[in-house]
Amino acid sequence: MANLNNITGALLIDATSAFLNGAGLGSGEDKNKVIPKTFKEKVNGRAEEVPYVSAQSWRRWLRDTTNEENSWSPSELRGIKESEKGSTTKIATELNPIEFPEDDLFGYMKSGSKEEESIQRTSPFKTSILKGIRNMRVVNNDEAFVHLKEGTPLPYSTRFYSTHLEGFFNLEYYRLGVYDNLGSHQELSKELVEKHKDKFDVTDLYGGKFKRYTLKDAEKIRKTHAYGLLKGLAFLRGGAKQAAFGSDVSPKVLILAGMESANPVFNNLFVGMGEKPALNLDTLKQIATDYKDKLATPIYIGIRAGYLQNEEEIKNLDNTIFVVDSPIGVVHKFNEKYLK
């Protein structure tokens, strides 16, 4: 079987009667209307409004949930430089993947001056936006009033949606616990290398011109951090306007597989069929066939009971290729088999 270098997958969130990511106020006559993020997509020759959640937004939900679920210290975003007028001009996290798992998983960046070194770790965890699936996306308006002690009521409006939000991701599992300092692309600061020098195995790159720093317990760290992230995904929580449009954003469908290649293959898998969404099994089976030499694990499919239109068909899939359970159940099973 192929090497487990990546963990790739997809998720589907129930966003019926939801407002999870705001885009500010409307314009013109709608300037008193709070609107969510949407974009236009052509469907049957006409432009259709598609609700979505930005990658930045749901990644923040995931960072916070993952830290909370694993009792990890958060790598706080803070100002590191101010202008002469006192406004923040540069920001950064702790830039420390050794002591903060969040930095190992999600990366970081600090742009240095001529006197300072620049530090950058591109995120091993890659994501799409979360977008409403076809045939199941409706945008509505909630009209309301603020009633004053004196004077006439003040009207306001909120635009919200009913849909199911799908997204996909890929975790570059092989990079966890491994850091390259390549000239202008430094993943570790000099201070951090010196502070933790006893924790690294150091490898020369490009004839000794650059260095790779691998934690001596990298295999253990890799598994711990990967499981922590998957646990965060399973229990995902967050979103805007929860007081007025409360939504459970934990995935109702979560698909996982270990892969040798970094292809985020589980995309555009969900379709609207009647009253419930459905998983496109023809596409999923084709992926399993086309990437059989790249798959390092079976394909794990976690579904909330009663959520998908074709749940029974999913349960009858070939159990040598597919493992079916609840979203939390597949994370536990994947962990027990591959991350322990």
C-alpha atoms as a PDB file:
ATOM      1  CA  MET A   1       0.000   0.000   0.000  1.00  0.00           C
ATOM      2  CA  ALA A   2       1.095   3.606  -0.616  1.00  0.00           C
ATOM      3  CA  ASN A   3       2.879   5.715   2.008  1.00  0.00           C
ATOM      4  CA  LEU A   4       0.767   7.887   4.291  1.00  0.00           C
ATOM      5  CA  ASN A   5       2.176  11.308   3.402  1.00  0.00           C
ATOM      6  CA  ASN A   6      -1.078  13.252   3.380  1.00  0.00           C
ATOM      7  CA  ILE A   7      -4.504  13.115   4.984  1.00  0.00           C
ATOM      8  CA  THR A   8      -7.135  14.409   2.603  1.00  0.00           C
ATOM      9  CA  GLY A   9     -10.872  14.728   2.961  1.00  0.00           C
ATOM     10  CA  ALA A  10     -14.141  16.607   2.713  1.00  0.00           C
ATOM     11  CA  LEU A  11     -16.858  17.854   5.031  1.00  0.00           C
ATOM     12  CA  LEU A  12     -20.488  18.880   4.774  1.00  0.00           C
ATOM     13  CA  ILE A  13     -22.123  21.246   7.265  1.00  0.00           C
ATOM     14  CA  ASP A  14     -25.852  21.717   7.866  1.00  0.00           C
ATOM     15  CA  ALA A  15     -26.388  25.451   7.409  1.00  0.00           C
ATOM     16  CA  THR A  16     -30.169  25.634   7.247  1.00  0.00           C
ATOM     17  CA  SER A  17     -31.414  29.024   8.541  1.00  0.00           C
ATOM     18  CA  ALA A  18     -27.865  30.223   9.156  1.00  0.00           C
ATOM     19  CA  PHE A  19     -25.625  33.290   9.006  1.00  0.00           C
ATOM     20  CA  LEU A  20     -22.087  32.048   9.543  1.00  0.00           C
ATOM     21  CA  ASN A  21     -19.827  34.601   7.855  1.00  0.00           C
ATOM     22  CA  GLY A  22     -20.758  38.249   7.397  1.00  0.00           C
ATOM     23  CA  ALA A  23     -19.911  40.553   4.498  1.00  0.00           C
ATOM     24  CA  GLY A  24     -20.931  43.804   6.235  1.00  0.00           C
ATOM     25  CA  LEU A  25     -23.828  46.020   5.189  1.00  0.00           C
ATOM     26  CA  GLY A  26     -25.631  46.161   1.889  1.00  0.00           C
ATOM     27  CA  SER A  27     -25.359  49.155  -0.431  1.00  0.00           C
ATOM     28  CA  GLY A  28     -27.874  51.658  -1.753  1.00  0.00           C
ATOM     29  CA  GLU A  29     -31.382  50.943  -0.490  1.00  0.00           C
ATOM     30  CA  ASP A  30     -30.041  47.925   1.447  1.00  0.00           C
ATOM     31  CA  LYS A  31     -27.539  49.906   3.516  1.00  0.00           C
ATOM     32  CA  ASN A  32     -29.429  48.946   6.720  1.00  0.00           C
ATOM     33  CA  LYS A  33     -29.285  45.269   5.818  1.00  0.00           C
ATOM     34  CA  VAL A  34     -26.620  42.938   7.251  1.00  0.00           C
ATOM     35  CA  ILE A  35     -25.535  40.527   4.524  1.00  0.00           C
ATOM     36  CA  PRO A  36     -23.627  37.206   4.502  1.00  0.00           C
ATOM     37  CA  LYS A  37     -20.835  36.265   2.122  1.00  0.00           C
ATOM     38  CA  THR A  38     -22.122  35.070  -1.257  1.00  0.00           C
ATOM     39  CA  PHE A  39     -20.839  34.782  -4.808  1.00  0.00           C
ATOM     40  CA  LYS A  40     -22.467  34.241  -8.194  1.00  0.00           C
ATOM     41  CA  GLU A  41     -22.355  30.912 -10.021  1.00  0.00           C
ATOM     42  CA  LYS A  42     -23.949  30.210 -13.389  1.00  0.00           C
ATOM     43  CA  VAL A  43     -26.572  27.458 -13.172  1.00  0.00           C
ATOM     44  CA  ASN A  44     -28.688  26.536 -16.206  1.00  0.00           C
ATOM     45  CA  GLY A  45     -27.702  29.762 -17.901  1.00  0.00           C
ATOM     46  CA  ARG A  46     -28.527  32.104 -15.037  1.00  0.00           C
ATOM     47  CA  ALA A  47     -26.444  33.602 -12.235  1.00  0.00           C
ATOM     48  CA  GLU A  48     -27.339  32.045  -8.891  1.00  0.00           C
ATOM     49  CA  GLU A  49     -26.383  33.457  -5.498  1.00  0.00           C
ATOM     50  CA  VAL A  50     -24.213  30.989  -3.598  1.00  0.00           C
ATOM     51  CA  PRO A  51     -23.699  31.357   0.169  1.00  0.00           C
ATOM     52  CA  TYR A  52     -20.182  30.597   1.387  1.00  0.00           C
ATOM     53  CA  VAL A  53     -17.850  30.787   4.361  1.00  0.00           C
ATOM     54  CA  SER A  54     -14.345  32.030   3.672  1.00  0.00           C
ATOM     55  CA  ALA A  55     -11.387  29.736   4.283  1.00  0.00           C
ATOM     56  CA  GLN A  56      -9.957  32.304   6.695  1.00  0.00           C
ATOM     57  CA  SER A  57     -13.151  32.240   8.753  1.00  0.00           C
ATOM     58  CA  TRP A  58     -13.656  28.492   9.127  1.00  0.00           C
ATOM     59  CA  ARG A  59      -9.934  27.915   9.617  1.00  0.00           C
ATOM     60  CA  ARG A  60     -10.203  30.256  12.619  1.00  0.00           C
ATOM     61  CA  TRP A  61     -13.097  28.142  13.951  1.00  0.00           C
ATOM     62  CA  LEU A  62     -10.928  25.070  13.478  1.00  0.00           C
ATOM     63  CA  ARG A  63      -7.836  26.574  15.104  1.00  0.00           C
ATOM     64  CA  ASP A  64      -9.854  27.573  18.171  1.00  0.00           C
ATOM     65  CA  THR A  65     -11.749  24.268  18.394  1.00  0.00           C
ATOM     66  CA  THR A  66      -8.574  22.217  17.958  1.00  0.00           C
ATOM     67  CA  ASN A  67      -6.776  24.125  20.709  1.00  0.00           C
ATOM     68  CA  GLU A  68      -9.761  23.738  23.041  1.00  0.00           C
ATOM     69  CA  GLU A  69     -10.371  20.039  22.346  1.00  0.00           C
ATOM     70  CA  ASN A  70      -6.713  19.141  22.908  1.00  0.00           C
ATOM     71  CA  SER A  71      -5.954  21.642  25.703  1.00  0.00           C
ATOM     72  CA  TRP A  72      -3.223  23.162  23.524  1.00  0.00           C
ATOM     73  CA  SER A  73      -1.876  26.633  24.259  1.00  0.00           C
ATOM     74  CA  PRO A  74      -3.030  28.914  21.423  1.00  0.00           C
ATOM     75  CA  SER A  75      -0.449  30.703  19.314  1.00  0.00           C
ATOM     76  CA  GLU A  76      -1.955  34.145  19.743  1.00  0.00           C
ATOM     77  CA  LEU A  77      -1.909  36.654  16.902  1.00  0.00           C
ATOM     78  CA  ARG A  78      -0.388  39.899  18.151  1.00  0.00           C
ATOM     79  CA  GLY A  79       1.079  43.143  16.891  1.00  0.00           C
ATOM     80  CA  ILE A  80       4.861  43.068  16.537  1.00  0.00           C
ATOM     81  CA  LYS A  81       5.491  46.493  15.015  1.00  0.00           C
ATOM     82  CA  GLU A  82       3.829  49.906  15.120  1.00  0.00           C
ATOM     83  CA  SER A  83       3.976  52.968  12.916  1.00  0.00           C
ATOM     84  CA  GLU A  84       5.118  56.349  14.204  1.00  0.00           C
ATOM     85  CA  LYS A  85       1.447  57.161  14.829  1.00  0.00           C
ATOM     86  CA  GLY A  86       1.040  54.069  17.018  1.00  0.00           C
ATOM     87  CA  SER A  87      -1.015  51.929  14.649  1.00  0.00           C
ATOM     88  CA  THR A  88      -0.100  48.257  14.154  1.00  0.00           C
ATOM     89  CA  THR A  89       1.818  47.621  10.932  1.00  0.00           C
ATOM     90  CA  LYS A  90       2.981  44.025  11.434  1.00  0.00           C
ATOM     91  CA  ILE A  91       1.398  41.030  13.117  1.00  0.00           C
ATOM     92  CA  ALA A  92       2.526  37.480  13.871  1.00  0.00           C
ATOM     93  CA  THR A  93       1.725  34.421  15.949  1.00  0.00           C
ATOM     94  CA  GLU A  94       4.296  32.868  18.279  1.00  0.00           C
ATOM     95  CA  LEU A  95       6.216  31.557  15.211  1.00  0.00           C
ATOM     96  CA  ASN A  96       7.015  28.516  17.322  1.00  0.00           C
ATOM     97  CA  PRO A  97       5.927  25.081  16.002  1.00  0.00           C
ATOM     98  CA  ILE A  98       7.964  23.305  18.699  1.00  0.00           C
ATOM     99  CA  GLU A  99       5.853  24.504  21.627  1.00  0.00           C
ATOM    100  CA  PHE A 100       2.636  25.453  19.807  1.00  0.00           C
ATOM    101  CA  PRO A 101       1.001  22.690  17.717  1.00  0.00           C
ATOM    102  CA  GLU A 102      -1.194  25.304  16.043  1.00  0.00           C
ATOM    103  CA  ASP A 103       1.901  26.814  14.390  1.00  0.00           C
ATOM    104  CA  ASP A 104       3.050  23.380  13.227  1.00  0.00           C
ATOM    105  CA  LEU A 105      -0.310  22.710  11.554  1.00  0.00           C
ATOM    106  CA  PHE A 106      -1.390  26.111  10.246  1.00  0.00           C
ATOM    107  CA  GLY A 107       1.918  27.824   9.536  1.00  0.00           C
ATOM    108  CA  TYR A 108       2.925  31.443  10.135  1.00  0.00           C
ATOM    109  CA  MET A 109       4.767  34.411   8.654  1.00  0.00           C
ATOM    110  CA  LYS A 110       6.815  37.348   9.857  1.00  0.00           C
ATOM    111  CA  SER A 111       8.235  39.767   7.325  1.00  0.00           C
ATOM    112  CA  GLY A 112      11.561  41.049   8.594  1.00  0.00           C
ATOM    113  CA  SER A 113      13.378  44.298   7.901  1.00  0.00           C
ATOM    114  CA  LYS A 114      16.952  44.551   6.611  1.00  0.00           C
ATOM    115  CA  GLU A 115      18.156  43.965  10.173  1.00  0.00           C
ATOM    116  CA  GLU A 116      15.653  41.188  10.981  1.00  0.00           C
ATOM    117  CA  GLU A 117      15.228  37.720   9.520  1.00  0.00           C
ATOM    118  CA  SER A 118      11.970  36.818   7.800  1.00  0.00           C
ATOM    119  CA  ILE A 119      10.237  33.705   9.150  1.00  0.00           C
ATOM    120  CA  GLN A 120       7.680  31.795   7.092  1.00  0.00           C
ATOM    121  CA  ARG A 121       6.069  28.360   7.278  1.00  0.00           C
ATOM    122  CA  THR A 122       3.447  27.736   4.636  1.00  0.00           C
ATOM    123  CA  SER A 123       0.483  25.966   6.160  1.00  0.00           C
ATOM    124  CA  PRO A 124       0.637  22.148   5.971  1.00  0.00           C
ATOM    125  CA  PHE A 125      -3.168  22.247   6.256  1.00  0.00           C
ATOM    126  CA  LYS A 126      -4.750  23.381   2.968  1.00  0.00           C
ATOM    127  CA  THR A 127      -8.467  24.155   2.654  1.00  0.00           C
ATOM    128  CA  SER A 128     -11.160  25.319   0.268  1.00  0.00           C
ATOM    129  CA  ILE A 129     -13.952  27.710   1.141  1.00  0.00           C
ATOM    130  CA  LEU A 130     -17.225  26.202   2.389  1.00  0.00           C
ATOM    131  CA  LYS A 131     -19.874  26.728  -0.294  1.00  0.00           C
ATOM    132  CA  GLY A 132     -23.547  25.894  -0.633  1.00  0.00           C
ATOM    133  CA  ILE A 133     -24.259  22.791  -2.716  1.00  0.00           C
ATOM    134  CA  ARG A 134     -26.339  22.977  -5.879  1.00  0.00           C
ATOM    135  CA  ASN A 135     -30.117  22.641  -5.776  1.00  0.00           C
ATOM    136  CA  MET A 136     -30.095  23.320  -2.027  1.00  0.00           C
ATOM    137  CA  ARG A 137     -29.312  26.999  -1.477  1.00  0.00           C
ATOM    138  CA  VAL A 138     -31.891  29.659  -0.699  1.00  0.00           C
ATOM    139  CA  VAL A 139     -31.232  33.178   0.586  1.00  0.00           C
ATOM    140  CA  ASN A 140     -33.897  34.886   2.718  1.00  0.00           C
ATOM    141  CA  ASN A 141     -34.428  38.154   4.589  1.00  0.00           C
ATOM    142  CA  ASP A 142     -35.254  38.509   8.272  1.00  0.00           C
ATOM    143  CA  GLU A 143     -37.091  41.809   8.869  1.00  0.00           C
ATOM    144  CA  ALA A 144     -37.110  43.080  12.448  1.00  0.00           C
ATOM    145  CA  PHE A 145     -37.408  46.174  14.629  1.00  0.00           C
ATOM    146  CA  VAL A 146     -35.604  47.658  17.582  1.00  0.00           C
ATOM    147  CA  HIS A 147     -38.321  48.996  19.889  1.00  0.00           C
ATOM    148  CA  LEU A 148     -37.288  52.188  21.692  1.00  0.00           C
ATOM    149  CA  LYS A 149     -38.514  53.592  24.969  1.00  0.00           C
ATOM    150  CA  GLU A 150     -39.319  56.788  23.081  1.00  0.00           C
ATOM    151  CA  GLY A 151     -39.824  57.330  19.379  1.00  0.00           C
ATOM    152  CA  THR A 152     -40.823  55.014  16.558  1.00  0.00           C
ATOM    153  CA  PRO A 153     -39.351  51.500  16.194  1.00  0.00           C
ATOM    154  CA  LEU A 154     -36.126  51.309  14.184  1.00  0.00           C
ATOM    155  CA  PRO A 155     -36.282  48.727  11.382  1.00  0.00           C
ATOM    156  CA  TYR A 156     -33.339  46.556  10.414  1.00  0.00           C
ATOM    157  CA  SER A 157     -32.859  43.565   8.165  1.00  0.00           C
ATOM    158  CA  THR A 158     -30.602  40.512   8.080  1.00  0.00           C
ATOM    159  CA  ARG A 159     -30.029  38.388   5.013  1.00  0.00           C
ATOM    160  CA  PHE A 160     -29.525  34.697   5.880  1.00  0.00           C
ATOM    161  CA  TYR A 161     -29.518  31.394   4.030  1.00  0.00           C
ATOM    162  CA  SER A 162     -30.588  27.779   4.073  1.00  0.00           C
ATOM    163  CA  THR A 163     -28.075  25.434   2.488  1.00  0.00           C
ATOM    164  CA  HIS A 164     -25.532  22.700   3.134  1.00  0.00           C
ATOM    165  CA  LEU A 165     -21.928  23.902   3.001  1.00  0.00           C
ATOM    166  CA  GLU A 166     -19.284  21.631   1.499  1.00  0.00           C
ATOM    167  CA  GLY A 167     -15.525  21.996   1.615  1.00  0.00           C
ATOM    168  CA  PHE A 168     -12.375  19.943   1.144  1.00  0.00           C
ATOM    169  CA  PHE A 169      -8.918  19.870   2.697  1.00  0.00           C
ATOM    170  CA  ASN A 170      -5.497  18.279   2.622  1.00  0.00           C
ATOM    171  CA  LEU A 171      -3.043  17.945   5.504  1.00  0.00           C
ATOM    172  CA  GLU A 172       0.586  17.541   4.427  1.00  0.00           C
ATOM    173  CA  TYR A 173       1.172  15.014   7.167  1.00  0.00           C
ATOM    174  CA  TYR A 174       4.804  14.376   6.230  1.00  0.00           C
ATOM    175  CA  ARG A 175       5.730  17.993   7.033  1.00  0.00           C
ATOM    176  CA  LEU A 176       4.666  17.928  10.674  1.00  0.00           C
ATOM    177  CA  GLY A 177       7.697  18.097  12.953  1.00  0.00           C
ATOM    178  CA  VAL A 178       9.983  18.923  10.006  1.00  0.00           C
ATOM    179  CA  TYR A 179      11.304  22.432   9.305  1.00  0.00           C
ATOM    180  CA  ASP A 180      13.473  23.691   6.442  1.00  0.00           C
ATOM    181  CA  ASN A 181      15.658  26.784   6.565  1.00  0.00           C
ATOM    182  CA  LEU A 182      16.275  27.633   2.920  1.00  0.00           C
ATOM    183  CA  GLY A 183      18.041  30.967   2.616  1.00  0.00           C
ATOM    184  CA  SER A 184      15.348  33.645   2.513  1.00  0.00           C
ATOM    185  CA  HIS A 185      12.710  30.997   3.361  1.00  0.00           C
ATOM    186  CA  GLN A 186      13.353  30.301   7.042  1.00  0.00           C
ATOM    187  CA  GLU A 187      10.839  28.165   8.916  1.00  0.00           C
ATOM    188  CA  LEU A 188      12.659  28.465  12.254  1.00  0.00           C
ATOM    189  CA  SER A 189      14.284  31.539  13.748  1.00  0.00           C
ATOM    190  CA  LYS A 190      17.892  31.418  14.860  1.00  0.00           C
ATOM    191  CA  GLU A 191      16.760  31.888  18.462  1.00  0.00           C
ATOM    192  CA  LEU A 192      14.374  28.940  18.247  1.00  0.00           C
ATOM    193  CA  VAL A 193      17.004  26.683  16.680  1.00  0.00           C
ATOM    194  CA  GLU A 194      19.431  27.560  19.455  1.00  0.00           C
ATOM    195  CA  LYS A 195      16.841  27.168  22.221  1.00  0.00           C
ATOM    196  CA  HIS A 196      15.769  23.678  21.058  1.00  0.00           C
ATOM    197  CA  LYS A 197      18.992  22.451  19.424  1.00  0.00           C
ATOM    198  CA  ASP A 198      18.997  19.257  21.516  1.00  0.00           C
ATOM    199  CA  LYS A 199      15.583  18.279  20.096  1.00  0.00           C
ATOM    200  CA  PHE A 200      16.602  18.199  16.423  1.00  0.00           C
ATOM    201  CA  ASP A 201      18.224  15.868  13.974  1.00  0.00           C
ATOM    202  CA  VAL A 202      19.886  18.202  11.458  1.00  0.00           C
ATOM    203  CA  THR A 203      20.242  17.327   7.773  1.00  0.00           C
ATOM    204  CA  ASP A 204      22.200  19.219   5.135  1.00  0.00           C
ATOM    205  CA  LEU A 205      20.246  20.299   2.061  1.00  0.00           C
ATOM    206  CA  TYR A 206      21.620  21.352  -1.323  1.00  0.00           C
ATOM    207  CA  GLY A 207      25.200  20.410  -0.544  1.00  0.00           C
ATOM    208  CA  GLY A 208      25.158  21.820   2.951  1.00  0.00           C
ATOM    209  CA  LYS A 209      24.032  25.285   1.926  1.00  0.00           C
ATOM    210  CA  PHE A 210      20.726  24.932   3.794  1.00  0.00           C
ATOM    211  CA  LYS A 211      19.455  22.929   6.777  1.00  0.00           C
ATOM    212  CA  ARG A 212      16.512  20.686   7.620  1.00  0.00           C
ATOM    213  CA  TYR A 213      15.568  20.399  11.287  1.00  0.00           C
ATOM    214  CA  THR A 214      13.586  17.265  12.167  1.00  0.00           C
ATOM    215  CA  LEU A 215      12.345  16.741  15.702  1.00  0.00           C
ATOM    216  CA  LYS A 216      13.829  13.583  17.178  1.00  0.00           C
ATOM    217  CA  ASP A 217      10.334  12.473  18.177  1.00  0.00           C
ATOM    218  CA  ALA A 218       8.816  13.697  14.893  1.00  0.00           C
ATOM    219  CA  GLU A 219       6.821  10.503  14.264  1.00  0.00           C
ATOM    220  CA  LYS A 220       5.083  10.799  17.626  1.00  0.00           C
ATOM    221  CA  ILE A 221       4.548  14.552  17.213  1.00  0.00           C
ATOM    222  CA  ARG A 222       3.186  14.032  13.700  1.00  0.00           C
ATOM    223  CA  LYS A 223       0.583  11.556  14.886  1.00  0.00           C
ATOM    224  CA  THR A 224      -0.404  13.632  17.914  1.00  0.00           C
ATOM    225  CA  HIS A 225      -0.839  16.821  15.936  1.00  0.00           C
ATOM    226  CA  ALA A 226      -2.694  15.126  13.071  1.00  0.00           C
ATOM    227  CA  TYR A 227      -5.133  13.415  15.434  1.00  0.00           C
ATOM    228  CA  GLY A 228      -5.618  16.668  17.318  1.00  0.00           C
ATOM    229  CA  LEU A 229      -6.559  18.414  14.093  1.00  0.00           C
ATOM    230  CA  LEU A 230      -8.990  15.664  13.029  1.00  0.00           C
ATOM    231  CA  LYS A 231     -10.563  15.779  16.479  1.00  0.00           C
ATOM    232  CA  GLY A 232     -10.994  19.530  16.038  1.00  0.00           C
ATOM    233  CA  LEU A 233     -12.680  18.905  12.684  1.00  0.00           C
ATOM    234  CA  ALA A 234     -15.098  16.386  14.163  1.00  0.00           C
ATOM    235  CA  PHE A 235     -16.149  18.780  16.946  1.00  0.00           C
ATOM    236  CA  LEU A 236     -15.928  21.971  14.865  1.00  0.00           C
ATOM    237  CA  ARG A 237     -17.760  24.968  16.337  1.00  0.00           C
ATOM    238  CA  GLY A 238     -17.936  28.669  15.577  1.00  0.00           C
ATOM    239  CA  GLY A 239     -19.662  31.067  13.217  1.00  0.00           C
ATOM    240  CA  ALA A 240     -21.162  34.547  13.237  1.00  0.00           C
ATOM    241  CA  LYS A 241     -24.550  35.597  14.696  1.00  0.00           C
ATOM    242  CA  GLN A 242     -24.967  32.455  16.792  1.00  0.00           C
ATOM    243  CA  ALA A 243     -27.299  34.290  19.196  1.00  0.00           C
ATOM    244  CA  ALA A 244     -29.830  35.007  16.431  1.00  0.00           C
ATOM    245  CA  PHE A 245     -29.120  32.227  13.907  1.00  0.00           C
ATOM    246  CA  GLY A 246     -27.641  29.461  16.035  1.00  0.00           C
ATOM    247  CA  SER A 247     -26.044  26.693  13.966  1.00  0.00           C
ATOM    248  CA  ASP A 248     -24.238  23.462  14.769  1.00  0.00           C
ATOM    249  CA  VAL A 249     -21.288  23.606  12.380  1.00  0.00           C
ATOM    250  CA  SER A 250     -19.812  20.243  13.363  1.00  0.00           C
ATOM    251  CA  PRO A 251     -19.687  18.208  10.126  1.00  0.00           C
ATOM    252  CA  LYS A 252     -22.691  16.020   9.390  1.00  0.00           C
ATOM    253  CA  VAL A 253     -20.496  14.271   6.817  1.00  0.00           C
ATOM    254  CA  LEU A 254     -16.729  13.876   7.201  1.00  0.00           C
ATOM    255  CA  ILE A 255     -14.637  11.957   4.666  1.00  0.00           C
ATOM    256  CA  LEU A 256     -10.996  11.026   5.371  1.00  0.00           C
ATOM    257  CA  ALA A 257      -8.265   9.058   3.638  1.00  0.00           C
ATOM    258  CA  GLY A 258      -4.514   8.768   3.876  1.00  0.00           C
ATOM    259  CA  MET A 259      -2.722   9.345   0.583  1.00  0.00           C
ATOM    260  CA  GLU A 260       0.779   9.262  -0.794  1.00  0.00           C
ATOM    261  CA  SER A 261       0.145  12.266  -3.044  1.00  0.00           C
ATOM    262  CA  ALA A 262      -1.169  15.678  -2.020  1.00  0.00           C
ATOM    263  CA  ASN A 263      -4.269  15.607  -4.238  1.00  0.00           C
ATOM    264  CA  PRO A 264      -7.385  16.983  -2.482  1.00  0.00           C
ATOM    265  CA  VAL A 265      -9.534  14.574  -4.481  1.00  0.00           C
ATOM    266  CA  PHE A 266     -12.709  14.601  -2.382  1.00  0.00           C
ATOM    267  CA  ASN A 267     -14.228  17.767  -3.853  1.00  0.00           C
ATOM    268  CA  ASN A 268     -17.681  18.499  -5.298  1.00  0.00           C
ATOM    269  CA  LEU A 269     -19.026  15.214  -3.956  1.00  0.00           C
ATOM    270  CA  PHE A 270     -22.420  16.383  -2.707  1.00  0.00           C
ATOM    271  CA  VAL A 271     -25.613  17.067  -4.623  1.00  0.00           C
ATOM    272  CA  GLY A 272     -29.141  18.188  -3.777  1.00  0.00           C
ATOM    273  CA  MET A 273     -31.676  15.400  -4.234  1.00  0.00           C
ATOM    274  CA  GLY A 274     -35.135  16.036  -2.877  1.00  0.00           C
ATOM    275  CA  GLU A 275     -35.339  17.101   0.751  1.00  0.00           C
ATOM    276  CA  LYS A 276     -31.872  15.875   1.768  1.00  0.00           C
ATOM    277  CA  PRO A 277     -28.372  16.159   0.314  1.00  0.00           C
ATOM    278  CA  ALA A 278     -26.771  13.060  -1.177  1.00  0.00           C
ATOM    279  CA  LEU A 279     -23.231  11.789  -1.605  1.00  0.00           C
ATOM    280  CA  ASN A 280     -22.345  11.185  -5.254  1.00  0.00           C
ATOM    281  CA  LEU A 281     -21.308   7.543  -5.019  1.00  0.00           C
ATOM    282  CA  ASP A 282     -20.399   7.176  -8.686  1.00  0.00           C
ATOM    283  CA  THR A 283     -17.826   9.946  -8.311  1.00  0.00           C
ATOM    284  CA  LEU A 284     -16.557   8.542  -5.016  1.00  0.00           C
ATOM    285  CA  LYS A 285     -16.120   5.042  -6.493  1.00  0.00           C
ATOM    286  CA  GLN A 286     -14.291   6.496  -9.484  1.00  0.00           C
ATOM    287  CA  ILE A 287     -11.897   8.347  -7.147  1.00  0.00           C
ATOM    288  CA  ALA A 288     -11.261   5.116  -5.244  1.00  0.00           C
ATOM    289  CA  THR A 289     -10.438   3.338  -8.520  1.00  0.00           C
ATOM    290  CA  ASP A 290      -8.369   6.091 -10.111  1.00  0.00           C
ATOM    291  CA  TYR A 291      -6.290   6.722  -6.977  1.00  0.00           C
ATOM    292  CA  LYS A 292      -6.016   3.163  -5.678  1.00  0.00           C
ATOM    293  CA  ASP A 293      -2.216   3.260  -6.066  1.00  0.00           C
ATOM    294  CA  LYS A 294      -2.064   6.558  -4.159  1.00  0.00           C
ATOM    295  CA  LEU A 295      -4.412   5.630  -1.312  1.00  0.00           C
ATOM    296  CA  ALA A 296      -2.567   4.658   1.868  1.00  0.00           C
ATOM    297  CA  THR A 297      -5.761   3.797   3.779  1.00  0.00           C
ATOM    298  CA  PRO A 298      -9.368   2.892   3.075  1.00  0.00           C
ATOM    299  CA  ILE A 299     -11.735   5.829   2.542  1.00  0.00           C
ATOM    300  CA  TYR A 300     -13.467   6.667   5.825  1.00  0.00           C
ATOM    301  CA  ILE A 301     -16.990   8.075   5.498  1.00  0.00           C
ATOM    302  CA  GLY A 302     -18.577   9.557   8.615  1.00  0.00           C
ATOM    303  CA  ILE A 303     -22.272  10.459   8.357  1.00  0.00           C
ATOM    304  CA  ARG A 304     -24.831  11.660  10.883  1.00  0.00           C
ATOM    305  CA  ALA A 305     -27.701   9.164  10.948  1.00  0.00           C
ATOM    306  CA  GLY A 306     -30.686  10.321   8.901  1.00  0.00           C
ATOM    307  CA  TYR A 307     -28.846  13.230   7.268  1.00  0.00           C
ATOM    308  CA  LEU A 308     -28.127  11.981   3.742  1.00  0.00           C
ATOM    309  CA  GLN A 309     -30.669  10.898   1.139  1.00  0.00           C
ATOM    310  CA  ASN A 310     -28.693   7.792   0.151  1.00  0.00           C
ATOM    311  CA  GLU A 311     -27.508   6.685   3.585  1.00  0.00           C
ATOM    312  CA  GLU A 312     -28.392   3.010   3.047  1.00  0.00           C
ATOM    313  CA  GLU A 313     -26.430   2.828  -0.209  1.00  0.00           C
ATOM    314  CA  ILE A 314     -23.409   4.290   1.577  1.00  0.00           C
ATOM    315  CA  LYS A 315     -23.646   1.680   4.326  1.00  0.00           C
ATOM    316  CA  ASN A 316     -23.627  -1.059   1.685  1.00  0.00           C
ATOM    317  CA  LEU A 317     -20.348   0.064   0.071  1.00  0.00           C
ATOM    318  CA  ASP A 318     -17.465  -2.420  -0.200  1.00  0.00           C
ATOM    319  CA  ASN A 319     -16.040  -2.539   3.344  1.00  0.00           C
ATOM    320  CA  THR A 320     -12.568  -3.397   2.083  1.00  0.00           C
ATOM    321  CA  ILE A 321     -12.394   0.011   0.403  1.00  0.00           C
ATOM    322  CA  PHE A 322     -14.735   2.116   2.536  1.00  0.00           C
ATOM    323  CA  VAL A 323     -15.226   2.379   6.300  1.00  0.00           C
ATOM    324  CA  VAL A 324     -18.588   3.892   7.330  1.00  0.00           C
ATOM    325  CA  ASP A 325     -19.396   5.299  10.770  1.00  0.00           C
ATOM    326  CA  SER A 326     -20.414   8.615  12.341  1.00  0.00           C
ATOM    327  CA  PRO A 327     -18.175  11.690  11.785  1.00  0.00           C
ATOM    328  CA  ILE A 328     -16.696  11.348  15.275  1.00  0.00           C
ATOM    329  CA  GLY A 329     -16.544   7.560  14.868  1.00  0.00           C
ATOM    330  CA  VAL A 330     -14.402   7.679  11.715  1.00  0.00           C
ATOM    331  CA  VAL A 331     -11.928  10.045  13.402  1.00  0.00           C
ATOM    332  CA  HIS A 332     -11.569   7.599  16.300  1.00  0.00           C
ATOM    333  CA  LYS A 333     -11.168   4.636  13.947  1.00  0.00           C
ATOM    334  CA  PHE A 334      -8.644   6.419  11.738  1.00  0.00           C
ATOM    335  CA  ASN A 335      -6.690   7.417  14.820  1.00  0.00           C
ATOM    336  CA  GLU A 336      -6.667   3.902  16.283  1.00  0.00           C
ATOM    337  CA  LYS A 337      -5.459   2.389  13.000  1.00  0.00           C
ATOM    338  CA  TYR A 338      -2.954   4.948  11.749  1.00  0.00           C
ATOM    339  CA  LEU A 339      -2.127   7.609  14.356  1.00  0.00           C
ATOM    340  CA  LYS A 340      -1.593   5.628  17.564  1.00  0.00           C
END
